[in-house]
Structure formats: structure tokens, C-alpha cells
């Protein structure tokens, strides 16, 4: 009985080392992708970063898709179960500052027009035409000081927005698989 309990506890601990993000696409004159700016918080290692909606798996989640559905609803108020079509899963991603965390990036297509309703973890949202993303080298201020990184950038409301780190690496994989993703729609 003790071994069984240990296995259950280990399984639950490992499940807590998983997260999921949604690359949400909408189609109009071009293909747009939804990004959020995470609210600044001392408890969030990605505080203030540009990201895809998503987050960590919790015990209430039966699987990683449940995690994504819950987190997207909490962060941007979009019910992907009702208004999204799952079209692709990108390769796993691992945050540089937490490499043991497995992040599952799933690509969804919206099936209807929806309004974004920001939750408490997001400060801002952006719909960005994928063809408007520019890859460049930019300086980033981090807790470890100033770093120069490769990033994607876009301009919204006269502001240069920088997408770097794990979100940038997920975008790299998206562009690598873009032809397959678009052909599955």
C-alpha cells in the first residue's frame, strides 16, 4: 500500500511539471495570432512578458488540453471547447528558467468571432498578423541585467512589442511547421 501511495504522489508531482499554451489563430484578410502581456507580479517568473495564453496543469485538470481550456478561459475569456478547433500540436517547449517544466503548445483556429475578456493574470492582449512579425536582435532588461537576444517584434499603437524566450522559440516551431498547420485547416 505504501508503494502505491508513493507512485500516486510521484505521478501528481510530475503532472504539476506540465503546462500548456494555446496559439489561437483567427482568419480575416490575413492570419492573426493572439498574444497577451502578462501582468507584472512578483510571484510570476514571466511577469510582464509577451506570451500565449496558457499555464500550469492543476490537479483539477484531467489532461493537458483541460489545462489549456481552463487557462485560456481564465486569461482571455475564450471558450476554446465551444469556439475553437484544435488543428495542431507543436513540439514540446521548455522554459530557460525552469527547464524541468514541459510546455505543450497547441494550435487552435477560432470558428467564430469572439471578444477577448482579460482575466487577472493578463494586462493587455494583441491580435497580430503573423506576416507582420519581424525577427531581430534586441536588448532585454532581465533580473540578471541587460541581455541581447533574438526576438520577434511587432508594432501596436506606436509601441514596439518584443516576443522573446520560450514564446519566441514556440513561434520558431510554428513557422517551421506553418505549411503543415495551414494545410490541416
C-alpha atoms as a PDB file:
ATOM      1  CA  UNK A   1       0.000   0.000   0.000  1.00  0.00           C
ATOM      2  CA  UNK A   2       2.878   2.386   0.791  1.00  0.00           C
ATOM      3  CA  UNK A   3       4.479   1.892  -2.646  1.00  0.00           C
ATOM      4  CA  UNK A   4       1.165   2.536  -4.395  1.00  0.00           C
ATOM      5  CA  UNK A   5       0.719   5.820  -2.493  1.00  0.00           C
ATOM      6  CA  UNK A   6       4.292   6.826  -3.370  1.00  0.00           C
ATOM      7  CA  UNK A   7       3.623   6.154  -7.070  1.00  0.00           C
ATOM      8  CA  UNK A   8       0.437   8.260  -6.936  1.00  0.00           C
ATOM      9  CA  UNK A   9       2.269  11.129  -5.237  1.00  0.00           C
ATOM     10  CA  UNK A  10       5.129  10.938  -7.753  1.00  0.00           C
ATOM     11  CA  UNK A  11       2.633  10.953 -10.640  1.00  0.00           C
ATOM     12  CA  UNK A  12       0.892  14.039  -9.217  1.00  0.00           C
ATOM     13  CA  UNK A  13       4.224  15.821  -8.711  1.00  0.00           C
ATOM     14  CA  UNK A  14       5.258  15.055 -12.296  1.00  0.00           C
ATOM     15  CA  UNK A  15       1.882  16.259 -13.583  1.00  0.00           C
ATOM     16  CA  UNK A  16       2.499  19.588 -11.838  1.00  0.00           C
ATOM     17  CA  UNK A  17       5.626  19.929 -14.017  1.00  0.00           C
ATOM     18  CA  UNK A  18       3.431  20.327 -17.104  1.00  0.00           C
ATOM     19  CA  UNK A  19       1.882  23.369 -18.694  1.00  0.00           C
ATOM     20  CA  UNK A  20       0.050  24.122 -21.899  1.00  0.00           C
ATOM     21  CA  UNK A  21      -0.312  27.141 -24.140  1.00  0.00           C
ATOM     22  CA  UNK A  22      -2.735  27.941 -26.943  1.00  0.00           C
ATOM     23  CA  UNK A  23      -1.616  29.503 -30.189  1.00  0.00           C
ATOM     24  CA  UNK A  24      -5.016  30.924 -31.140  1.00  0.00           C
ATOM     25  CA  UNK A  25      -5.471  31.876 -34.788  1.00  0.00           C
ATOM     26  CA  UNK A  26      -8.210  33.889 -36.411  1.00  0.00           C
ATOM     27  CA  UNK A  27      -8.653  34.339 -40.109  1.00  0.00           C
ATOM     28  CA  UNK A  28      -9.621  37.503 -41.942  1.00  0.00           C
ATOM     29  CA  UNK A  29      -7.612  39.363 -44.532  1.00  0.00           C
ATOM     30  CA  UNK A  30      -4.616  37.560 -43.048  1.00  0.00           C
ATOM     31  CA  UNK A  31      -3.855  35.078 -40.286  1.00  0.00           C
ATOM     32  CA  UNK A  32      -3.747  36.696 -36.851  1.00  0.00           C
ATOM     33  CA  UNK A  33      -2.418  35.209 -33.638  1.00  0.00           C
ATOM     34  CA  UNK A  34      -3.409  36.152 -30.085  1.00  0.00           C
ATOM     35  CA  UNK A  35      -0.699  37.262 -27.648  1.00  0.00           C
ATOM     36  CA  UNK A  36      -1.075  38.530 -24.103  1.00  0.00           C
ATOM     37  CA  UNK A  37       1.118  40.732 -21.984  1.00  0.00           C
ATOM     38  CA  UNK A  38       1.383  39.103 -18.569  1.00  0.00           C
ATOM     39  CA  UNK A  39       0.533  41.344 -15.642  1.00  0.00           C
ATOM     40  CA  UNK A  40       3.522  42.351 -13.510  1.00  0.00           C
ATOM     41  CA  UNK A  41       3.606  40.153 -10.404  1.00  0.00           C
ATOM     42  CA  UNK A  42       6.453  39.260  -8.036  1.00  0.00           C
ATOM     43  CA  UNK A  43       5.232  35.612  -7.973  1.00  0.00           C
ATOM     44  CA  UNK A  44       5.355  35.175 -11.754  1.00  0.00           C
ATOM     45  CA  UNK A  45       8.757  34.402 -13.338  1.00  0.00           C
ATOM     46  CA  UNK A  46       7.345  35.567 -16.697  1.00  0.00           C
ATOM     47  CA  UNK A  47       5.893  38.762 -15.267  1.00  0.00           C
ATOM     48  CA  UNK A  48       5.400  41.472 -17.895  1.00  0.00           C
ATOM     49  CA  UNK A  49       6.375  39.180 -20.792  1.00  0.00           C
ATOM     50  CA  UNK A  50       4.510  38.710 -24.051  1.00  0.00           C
ATOM     51  CA  UNK A  51       3.118  35.173 -24.150  1.00  0.00           C
ATOM     52  CA  UNK A  52       0.471  32.854 -25.479  1.00  0.00           C
ATOM     53  CA  UNK A  53      -2.492  32.244 -23.157  1.00  0.00           C
ATOM     54  CA  UNK A  54      -1.922  29.176 -21.004  1.00  0.00           C
ATOM     55  CA  UNK A  55      -0.431  27.943 -17.787  1.00  0.00           C
ATOM     56  CA  UNK A  56       0.401  25.110 -15.426  1.00  0.00           C
ATOM     57  CA  UNK A  57      -1.535  21.898 -15.062  1.00  0.00           C
ATOM     58  CA  UNK A  58      -3.503  21.670 -11.805  1.00  0.00           C
ATOM     59  CA  UNK A  59      -4.947  18.612 -10.026  1.00  0.00           C
ATOM     60  CA  UNK A  60      -8.425  19.580 -11.300  1.00  0.00           C
ATOM     61  CA  UNK A  61      -7.233  19.057 -14.920  1.00  0.00           C
ATOM     62  CA  UNK A  62      -7.710  15.541 -16.346  1.00  0.00           C
ATOM     63  CA  UNK A  63      -5.195  16.182 -19.126  1.00  0.00           C
ATOM     64  CA  UNK A  64      -3.148  18.947 -20.707  1.00  0.00           C
ATOM     65  CA  UNK A  65      -5.999  20.011 -23.018  1.00  0.00           C
ATOM     66  CA  UNK A  66      -8.175  20.584 -19.929  1.00  0.00           C
ATOM     67  CA  UNK A  67      -5.350  22.781 -18.628  1.00  0.00           C
ATOM     68  CA  UNK A  68      -5.288  24.811 -21.831  1.00  0.00           C
ATOM     69  CA  UNK A  69      -9.087  25.189 -21.943  1.00  0.00           C
ATOM     70  CA  UNK A  70      -9.157  26.332 -18.290  1.00  0.00           C
ATOM     71  CA  UNK A  71      -6.201  28.711 -18.571  1.00  0.00           C
ATOM     72  CA  UNK A  72      -7.421  30.312 -21.822  1.00  0.00           C
ATOM     73  CA  UNK A  73     -10.847  30.902 -20.254  1.00  0.00           C
ATOM     74  CA  UNK A  74      -9.236  32.421 -17.134  1.00  0.00           C
ATOM     75  CA  UNK A  75      -6.751  34.636 -19.010  1.00  0.00           C
ATOM     76  CA  UNK A  76      -8.671  35.822 -22.093  1.00  0.00           C
ATOM     77  CA  UNK A  77     -12.272  34.662 -21.603  1.00  0.00           C
ATOM     78  CA  UNK A  78     -12.361  32.487 -24.728  1.00  0.00           C
ATOM     79  CA  UNK A  79     -14.142  29.127 -24.536  1.00  0.00           C
ATOM     80  CA  UNK A  80     -11.976  27.044 -26.872  1.00  0.00           C
ATOM     81  CA  UNK A  81     -14.147  23.966 -26.297  1.00  0.00           C
ATOM     82  CA  UNK A  82     -17.067  25.789 -27.935  1.00  0.00           C
ATOM     83  CA  UNK A  83     -15.373  28.270 -30.277  1.00  0.00           C
ATOM     84  CA  UNK A  84     -12.001  26.746 -31.124  1.00  0.00           C
ATOM     85  CA  UNK A  85     -10.893  23.927 -33.366  1.00  0.00           C
ATOM     86  CA  UNK A  86      -7.705  22.107 -32.363  1.00  0.00           C
ATOM     87  CA  UNK A  87      -5.594  21.852 -35.503  1.00  0.00           C
ATOM     88  CA  UNK A  88      -2.021  21.032 -34.479  1.00  0.00           C
ATOM     89  CA  UNK A  89       0.360  20.235 -31.631  1.00  0.00           C
ATOM     90  CA  UNK A  90       3.826  21.733 -31.843  1.00  0.00           C
ATOM     91  CA  UNK A  91       6.916  20.095 -30.283  1.00  0.00           C
ATOM     92  CA  UNK A  92       7.309  20.448 -26.518  1.00  0.00           C
ATOM     93  CA  UNK A  93       8.920  23.620 -25.229  1.00  0.00           C
ATOM     94  CA  UNK A  94      10.975  24.141 -22.078  1.00  0.00           C
ATOM     95  CA  UNK A  95      11.427  27.500 -20.334  1.00  0.00           C
ATOM     96  CA  UNK A  96      15.060  28.528 -19.932  1.00  0.00           C
ATOM     97  CA  UNK A  97      14.496  29.481 -16.291  1.00  0.00           C
ATOM     98  CA  UNK A  98      12.590  26.255 -15.459  1.00  0.00           C
ATOM     99  CA  UNK A  99      13.868  23.533 -17.833  1.00  0.00           C
ATOM    100  CA  UNK A 100      12.094  20.696 -16.000  1.00  0.00           C
ATOM    101  CA  UNK A 101       8.689  22.205 -16.932  1.00  0.00           C
ATOM    102  CA  UNK A 102       7.223  20.572 -20.066  1.00  0.00           C
ATOM    103  CA  UNK A 103       5.111  23.041 -22.038  1.00  0.00           C
ATOM    104  CA  UNK A 104       2.674  21.659 -24.599  1.00  0.00           C
ATOM    105  CA  UNK A 105       1.909  24.208 -27.364  1.00  0.00           C
ATOM    106  CA  UNK A 106      -1.370  23.515 -29.196  1.00  0.00           C
ATOM    107  CA  UNK A 107      -2.606  25.473 -32.222  1.00  0.00           C
ATOM    108  CA  UNK A 108      -6.309  26.362 -32.377  1.00  0.00           C
ATOM    109  CA  UNK A 109      -8.397  28.036 -35.053  1.00  0.00           C
ATOM    110  CA  UNK A 110     -11.322  30.160 -33.871  1.00  0.00           C
ATOM    111  CA  UNK A 111     -14.561  29.032 -35.507  1.00  0.00           C
ATOM    112  CA  UNK A 112     -16.469  32.255 -34.716  1.00  0.00           C
ATOM    113  CA  UNK A 113     -15.648  35.854 -33.877  1.00  0.00           C
ATOM    114  CA  UNK A 114     -15.083  36.221 -30.131  1.00  0.00           C
ATOM    115  CA  UNK A 115     -14.395  39.073 -27.740  1.00  0.00           C
ATOM    116  CA  UNK A 116     -11.325  38.912 -25.531  1.00  0.00           C
ATOM    117  CA  UNK A 117     -12.068  39.491 -21.845  1.00  0.00           C
ATOM    118  CA  UNK A 118      -8.825  39.795 -19.907  1.00  0.00           C
ATOM    119  CA  UNK A 119      -8.533  37.994 -16.591  1.00  0.00           C
ATOM    120  CA  UNK A 120      -6.389  38.973 -13.629  1.00  0.00           C
ATOM    121  CA  UNK A 121      -3.121  37.489 -14.986  1.00  0.00           C
ATOM    122  CA  UNK A 122      -3.079  39.445 -18.251  1.00  0.00           C
ATOM    123  CA  UNK A 123      -2.607  43.179 -18.634  1.00  0.00           C
ATOM    124  CA  UNK A 124      -3.094  43.520 -22.390  1.00  0.00           C
ATOM    125  CA  UNK A 125      -3.836  41.484 -25.493  1.00  0.00           C
ATOM    126  CA  UNK A 126      -2.773  41.789 -29.111  1.00  0.00           C
ATOM    127  CA  UNK A 127      -4.112  40.256 -32.303  1.00  0.00           C
ATOM    128  CA  UNK A 128      -1.094  40.230 -34.603  1.00  0.00           C
ATOM    129  CA  UNK A 129      -0.954  39.352 -38.285  1.00  0.00           C
ATOM    130  CA  UNK A 130       1.705  36.637 -38.492  1.00  0.00           C
ATOM    131  CA  UNK A 131       3.206  38.300 -41.563  1.00  0.00           C
ATOM    132  CA  UNK A 132       3.816  41.476 -39.517  1.00  0.00           C
ATOM    133  CA  UNK A 133       6.226  39.768 -37.101  1.00  0.00           C
ATOM    134  CA  UNK A 134       9.846  40.782 -37.642  1.00  0.00           C
ATOM    135  CA  UNK A 135      12.815  38.771 -36.376  1.00  0.00           C
ATOM    136  CA  UNK A 136      15.630  40.890 -34.958  1.00  0.00           C
ATOM    137  CA  UNK A 137      18.243  41.133 -32.228  1.00  0.00           C
ATOM    138  CA  UNK A 138      17.132  43.344 -29.339  1.00  0.00           C
ATOM    139  CA  UNK A 139      18.341  44.327 -25.851  1.00  0.00           C
ATOM    140  CA  UNK A 140      16.223  42.925 -22.995  1.00  0.00           C
ATOM    141  CA  UNK A 141      16.334  44.000 -19.364  1.00  0.00           C
ATOM    142  CA  UNK A 142      16.139  40.952 -17.071  1.00  0.00           C
ATOM    143  CA  UNK A 143      16.633  40.249 -13.381  1.00  0.00           C
ATOM    144  CA  UNK A 144      20.194  39.249 -14.331  1.00  0.00           C
ATOM    145  CA  UNK A 145      20.839  42.524 -16.130  1.00  0.00           C
ATOM    146  CA  UNK A 146      20.822  43.592 -19.765  1.00  0.00           C
ATOM    147  CA  UNK A 147      20.891  40.811 -22.397  1.00  0.00           C
ATOM    148  CA  UNK A 148      20.871  40.909 -26.166  1.00  0.00           C
ATOM    149  CA  UNK A 149      18.523  38.272 -27.593  1.00  0.00           C
ATOM    150  CA  UNK A 150      16.969  37.207 -30.866  1.00  0.00           C
ATOM    151  CA  UNK A 151      13.262  38.024 -30.793  1.00  0.00           C
ATOM    152  CA  UNK A 152      10.165  38.671 -32.845  1.00  0.00           C
ATOM    153  CA  UNK A 153       8.841  42.208 -32.760  1.00  0.00           C
ATOM    154  CA  UNK A 154       5.697  43.947 -33.904  1.00  0.00           C
ATOM    155  CA  UNK A 155       4.292  47.461 -33.624  1.00  0.00           C
ATOM    156  CA  UNK A 156       0.926  48.094 -31.937  1.00  0.00           C
ATOM    157  CA  UNK A 157      -0.378  51.540 -31.033  1.00  0.00           C
ATOM    158  CA  UNK A 158       3.061  53.062 -31.746  1.00  0.00           C
ATOM    159  CA  UNK A 159       4.665  50.642 -29.280  1.00  0.00           C
ATOM    160  CA  UNK A 160       7.370  48.156 -30.278  1.00  0.00           C
ATOM    161  CA  UNK A 161       6.378  44.852 -28.669  1.00  0.00           C
ATOM    162  CA  UNK A 162       9.063  42.201 -28.121  1.00  0.00           C
ATOM    163  CA  UNK A 163       8.407  38.448 -28.112  1.00  0.00           C
ATOM    164  CA  UNK A 164      11.384  36.527 -26.774  1.00  0.00           C
ATOM    165  CA  UNK A 165      12.381  33.488 -24.730  1.00  0.00           C
ATOM    166  CA  UNK A 166      10.177  30.417 -24.809  1.00  0.00           C
ATOM    167  CA  UNK A 167       7.350  32.200 -26.661  1.00  0.00           C
ATOM    168  CA  UNK A 168       9.826  33.119 -29.408  1.00  0.00           C
ATOM    169  CA  UNK A 169      11.026  29.501 -29.601  1.00  0.00           C
ATOM    170  CA  UNK A 170       7.417  28.283 -29.875  1.00  0.00           C
ATOM    171  CA  UNK A 171       6.878  30.799 -32.698  1.00  0.00           C
ATOM    172  CA  UNK A 172      10.019  29.474 -34.410  1.00  0.00           C
ATOM    173  CA  UNK A 173       8.455  25.989 -34.316  1.00  0.00           C
ATOM    174  CA  UNK A 174       5.139  27.369 -35.558  1.00  0.00           C
ATOM    175  CA  UNK A 175       6.841  28.930 -38.587  1.00  0.00           C
ATOM    176  CA  UNK A 176       8.821  25.730 -39.165  1.00  0.00           C
ATOM    177  CA  UNK A 177       5.520  23.771 -39.272  1.00  0.00           C
ATOM    178  CA  UNK A 178       3.375  26.551 -40.790  1.00  0.00           C
ATOM    179  CA  UNK A 179       2.778  24.804 -44.110  1.00  0.00           C
ATOM    180  CA  UNK A 180       1.550  21.620 -42.373  1.00  0.00           C
ATOM    181  CA  UNK A 181      -0.574  23.652 -39.946  1.00  0.00           C
ATOM    182  CA  UNK A 182      -2.250  25.680 -42.677  1.00  0.00           C
ATOM    183  CA  UNK A 183      -2.867  22.623 -44.852  1.00  0.00           C
ATOM    184  CA  UNK A 184      -4.733  20.959 -41.972  1.00  0.00           C
ATOM    185  CA  UNK A 185      -7.311  23.776 -41.798  1.00  0.00           C
END
